[in-house]
Amino acid sequence: MDDDGIRVLYIGESVELARRASNYRNAKSDRSSQRTSRRIHKEIVGHLESGGSISFAIATSVRWGDDVELDLRLKSARRLAENAAVLLAQSQSGIRVLNIDAELGEGSE
């Protein structure tokens, strides 16, 4: 949560969570080709420096439609689950979503 009590989320898909987290942790250079990694790194550092904490929520299975389980080994299934989670989070009050499409129209990146 941020200082205003707003829950801050970044929702992403990954086959290898440790590698993804490492990308965010090590994305210090403005010359890095990974804009999202730099942006999330900046958010993480600022949050931790202000005394905040970070937690991970990991989905190991996802059910869709008529209770069909998605095969998360497929990138298309992971992306579908990720995008659905982003849309759901964006529709809830008291949540700020860090995913780039949440910032469209606000003059951000």
Protein backbone atom coordinates (compact mmCIF):
# COMPACT_ATOMS: atom_id res chain seq x y z
CA MET A 1 0.00 0.00 0.00
CA ASP A 2 1.11 3.53 -0.62
CA ASP A 3 1.00 6.41 1.87
CA ASP A 4 -2.65 7.11 1.03
CA GLY A 5 -3.73 3.53 1.82
CA ILE A 6 -4.04 2.65 -1.86
CA ARG A 7 -3.01 -0.89 -2.75
CA VAL A 8 -0.41 -0.80 -5.53
CA LEU A 9 -0.21 -3.78 -7.90
CA TYR A 10 1.93 -4.86 -10.77
CA ILE A 11 0.59 -7.93 -12.54
CA GLY A 12 2.88 -9.93 -14.79
CA GLU A 13 3.34 -13.38 -16.23
CA SER A 14 6.54 -15.38 -16.08
CA VAL A 15 7.78 -18.90 -16.45
CA GLU A 16 10.71 -18.13 -14.16
CA LEU A 17 9.73 -15.85 -11.29
CA ALA A 18 13.25 -15.56 -9.83
CA ARG A 19 14.60 -14.27 -13.16
CA ARG A 20 11.75 -11.80 -13.51
CA ALA A 21 12.27 -10.45 -9.98
CA SER A 22 16.01 -10.20 -10.67
CA ASN A 23 15.29 -8.10 -13.78
CA TYR A 24 13.34 -5.62 -11.65
CA ARG A 25 15.93 -5.61 -8.87
CA ASN A 26 18.86 -5.02 -11.24
CA ALA A 27 17.28 -2.55 -13.71
CA LYS A 28 19.19 0.48 -12.44
CA SER A 29 20.53 1.90 -15.68
CA ASP A 30 18.52 4.38 -17.69
CA ARG A 31 20.27 2.81 -20.68
CA SER A 32 18.65 -0.57 -20.00
CA SER A 33 16.53 -1.66 -22.94
CA GLN A 34 13.80 -2.85 -20.57
CA ARG A 35 11.61 0.21 -19.87
CA THR A 36 9.15 -1.77 -17.79
CA SER A 37 11.93 -3.23 -15.64
CA ARG A 38 13.36 0.27 -15.01
CA ARG A 39 9.91 1.66 -14.20
CA ILE A 40 9.06 -1.15 -11.79
CA HIS A 41 12.56 -0.95 -10.24
CA LYS A 42 11.98 2.75 -9.54
CA GLU A 43 8.59 1.99 -7.93
CA ILE A 44 10.07 -0.80 -5.78
CA VAL A 45 13.03 1.27 -4.58
CA GLY A 46 10.85 4.27 -3.74
CA HIS A 47 8.37 2.11 -1.88
CA LEU A 48 11.04 0.29 0.14
CA GLU A 49 12.90 3.53 0.93
CA SER A 50 9.71 4.96 2.41
CA GLY A 51 9.41 1.96 4.75
CA GLY A 52 7.03 -0.11 2.66
CA SER A 53 7.10 -3.83 2.07
CA ILE A 54 6.50 -5.96 -1.00
CA SER A 55 4.66 -9.23 -1.32
CA PHE A 56 4.12 -11.61 -4.22
CA ALA A 57 0.89 -13.40 -5.09
CA ILE A 58 1.53 -16.31 -7.40
CA ALA A 59 -1.17 -18.07 -9.41
CA THR A 60 -0.27 -21.67 -10.14
CA SER A 61 -3.58 -22.43 -11.83
CA VAL A 62 -6.25 -20.36 -13.54
CA ARG A 63 -9.81 -21.35 -14.40
CA TRP A 64 -11.58 -19.70 -17.32
CA GLY A 65 -15.04 -19.70 -18.84
CA ASP A 66 -16.92 -22.87 -17.99
CA ASP A 67 -14.39 -23.75 -15.26
CA VAL A 68 -11.77 -24.85 -17.78
CA GLU A 69 -8.24 -24.84 -16.37
CA LEU A 70 -5.78 -22.90 -18.53
CA ASP A 71 -2.47 -24.58 -19.40
CA LEU A 72 -0.05 -22.04 -17.94
CA ARG A 73 2.84 -23.63 -19.81
CA LEU A 74 1.43 -21.79 -22.85
CA LYS A 75 2.42 -18.13 -23.15
CA SER A 76 -1.00 -17.32 -24.63
CA ALA A 77 -2.71 -18.75 -21.53
CA ARG A 78 -0.40 -16.81 -19.20
CA ARG A 79 -1.04 -13.59 -21.13
CA LEU A 80 -4.80 -14.18 -21.05
CA ALA A 81 -4.68 -14.69 -17.28
CA GLU A 82 -2.42 -11.65 -16.83
CA ASN A 83 -4.67 -9.37 -18.89
CA ALA A 84 -7.81 -10.60 -17.12
CA ALA A 85 -6.19 -9.92 -13.73
CA VAL A 86 -5.15 -6.42 -14.85
CA LEU A 87 -8.70 -5.62 -16.04
CA LEU A 88 -10.19 -6.94 -12.81
CA ALA A 89 -7.79 -4.92 -10.65
CA GLN A 90 -8.40 -1.75 -12.70
CA SER A 91 -12.14 -2.05 -12.10
CA GLN A 92 -11.75 -2.03 -8.31
CA SER A 93 -11.52 1.10 -6.18
CA GLY A 94 -8.59 1.56 -3.84
CA ILE A 95 -6.12 -0.09 -6.23
CA ARG A 96 -3.46 1.55 -8.40
CA VAL A 97 -2.28 -0.78 -11.17
CA LEU A 98 1.29 -0.23 -12.40
CA ASN A 99 0.78 -2.01 -15.72
CA ILE A 100 1.45 0.34 -18.63
CA ASP A 101 -2.08 0.32 -20.07
CA ALA A 102 -3.36 1.65 -16.74
CA GLU A 103 -1.37 4.81 -17.47
CA LEU A 104 -2.63 5.50 -20.99
CA GLY A 105 -4.16 8.91 -21.35
CA GLU A 106 -2.40 10.26 -18.26
CA GLY A 107 0.68 11.61 -20.05
CA SER A 108 2.89 8.80 -18.76
CA GLU A 109 5.39 6.73 -20.74
